[in-house]
């Protein structure tokens, strides 16, 4: 007698895949795939875990019932007869005896078994499979398996990969690396999934040398040509900061999927090579790889800059978006709005927003933030009202943008109305919203309201403490700022660079020279914070306001970093107040040199010449400005 039979009893998980009528008509489901010919019976499960059969003719000449890849049903009576005719109880018992005779030849899948259809034990070579809950198991199996010493049966690579995936997903990259080492020590051979997980862990830890070591193992294993492994290698090298290795591996890949392309593009954007990233995006399309929305979003974010060339590059990306038919994608549309706004082209941003077929809270917020960034606070508030009329619920980020608009307009009443909406929406507890409320109240001249917001916040971190400190500095409350700083330190809050910018600014506004000098010195000595150019600018302003112009000039000369325009403007303002025209002229020329395309730079120099009565020099500055075709922003409105 020849034939094939699916014989796993009671696999209820696969039974659920069948139709309701089949489940009602046939009460039992057979899963385990057994081939038998005469007295020779072999159990077999394919490596992919899928069951297959060939129709065979039975001894009586009739065909066996058709069996599908998902299983076959028999009546209870038919099942009983088949089981006893085929002697499958003996087959299963012999298989268990084979298991106990040499457990080292089997994989243990129990620790990571996520589905009942997956076997508990699998033979390493023959792929024979055993289930502990099988109905045909001998009664002695359960106790004998329980008596096996731990580690007798080796965990399968599937189990190891599942554990690795869990660690990587949870961000526990170090544990994933340790597990990979343990896996190798126990003699389990990694597969391509293993290497992908470990490369993800290396990328998360940014351990380049360890990643190179894994790469060497991948070469030895023959998985380097696999497109998924290759993409993971590119991703690992990019995140570890080695674009040279990433590019070498990218070029070595026989085929490249869209993930490999967007990873290498993102890598070049990350390291500031925007032009190369744009060229690669064009090459990708020339090679027939369809870009996904993520690539366009990344490219547009890279172009979102005040650098003059960024706007034209962004427009080229926009053209590519239109050609690919992705302009209607709401995420790409939002990125376009953000890019145009940050490039200073608010008209283009509004044009994109108007053409979008649908809007969500994110796109509305992007347009509001764009208006705020470009100095159109009133339009931002009007758009916020329109957003509410259309029933779109504001997010915490939306409220941050609207509060910034109120602060820029010094619109205290409007800010209070927005504050009421924030309370109703339950967003007041959000840390960023709270800090924006404090900033708005301080800029609108209500430091008491800012303090009230600070006190109502459920928790205080360095951001909230520093925001309140900035409010005191803005309002000219130098002494209060210093007291707040002491309370901050007593609360165990770790200060940062922004904290000291606000502190030094507060000291400068009220002329606390000694206190400011002491704080500046303590940055490195006490708090191990290296001063940035912004801190030096505050110190120049502090020294200049107190009349120490030559000390301020000497301070600039001893700066370890190159002074920017803000530093020279601080010196210029002090010179204008104290009447030192010669030093002021020098400072103004430095500003013009640093920002030759900025109209405000020429205005500083014209002011100093007019104050000194040097009308010919003032006229010369105006002529230079006309030659460069530089105009005030107001002239464009």
Foldseek 3Di string as FASTA:
>chain_A
DWFKAQAFWDQVVLVVVDDPVVCVVFVIWGHWIWGDDVLDIDTAADPVRWDDGDWDADPVRHIDPDADRSTDGDHPVVSVVVCVVNVVLVVQAVVLVVCVVQVQQKAAAPVPDPGQSDARIAGNPRRGGHHPPTPSHDPCRVVVVVPDPPPSHHHALVNLLVVLVVCLVVLVLVVSVVSVVVCVVNPHDHDLSSLLSNLSSLLSVLPVVVLVVSVVVCVVVVNLQPQSNLLSSLLSCLSNPNLVSSVVSLVVHPDYALSSLLSNLLSCLVVPNLVVSLVSVVVCVVVPHQHDVVSLLSNLVSLLACPQVSVVSNVVSVVVCVVSVNLLPASNLLSNLNSCLSNLNLVSSVVSLVPHPDDAQSSLQSNLLSCLSNPNLVVSVVSVVVCVVVPHDHDLSSLLSNLSSCLSVLPVVVLVVSVVVCVVVVNLLPPSNLLSSLSSCLSNPNLVVNVVSLVPHPDDAQSSLLSNLLSCLSNLNLVVSVVSVVVCVVVVHQHAQSSLLSNLSSCLSNLVLVVNVVSVVCCCVPRNYDHDLSSLLSNLLSCLQVPNLVVSVVSQVPDPDHHALSSLVSSLVSCVVVVVLVSNLVSLVRNCVRPVQAPVSLVSNLVSCVVVVVVVVNVVSVVSCVVSPHDDPVVVD
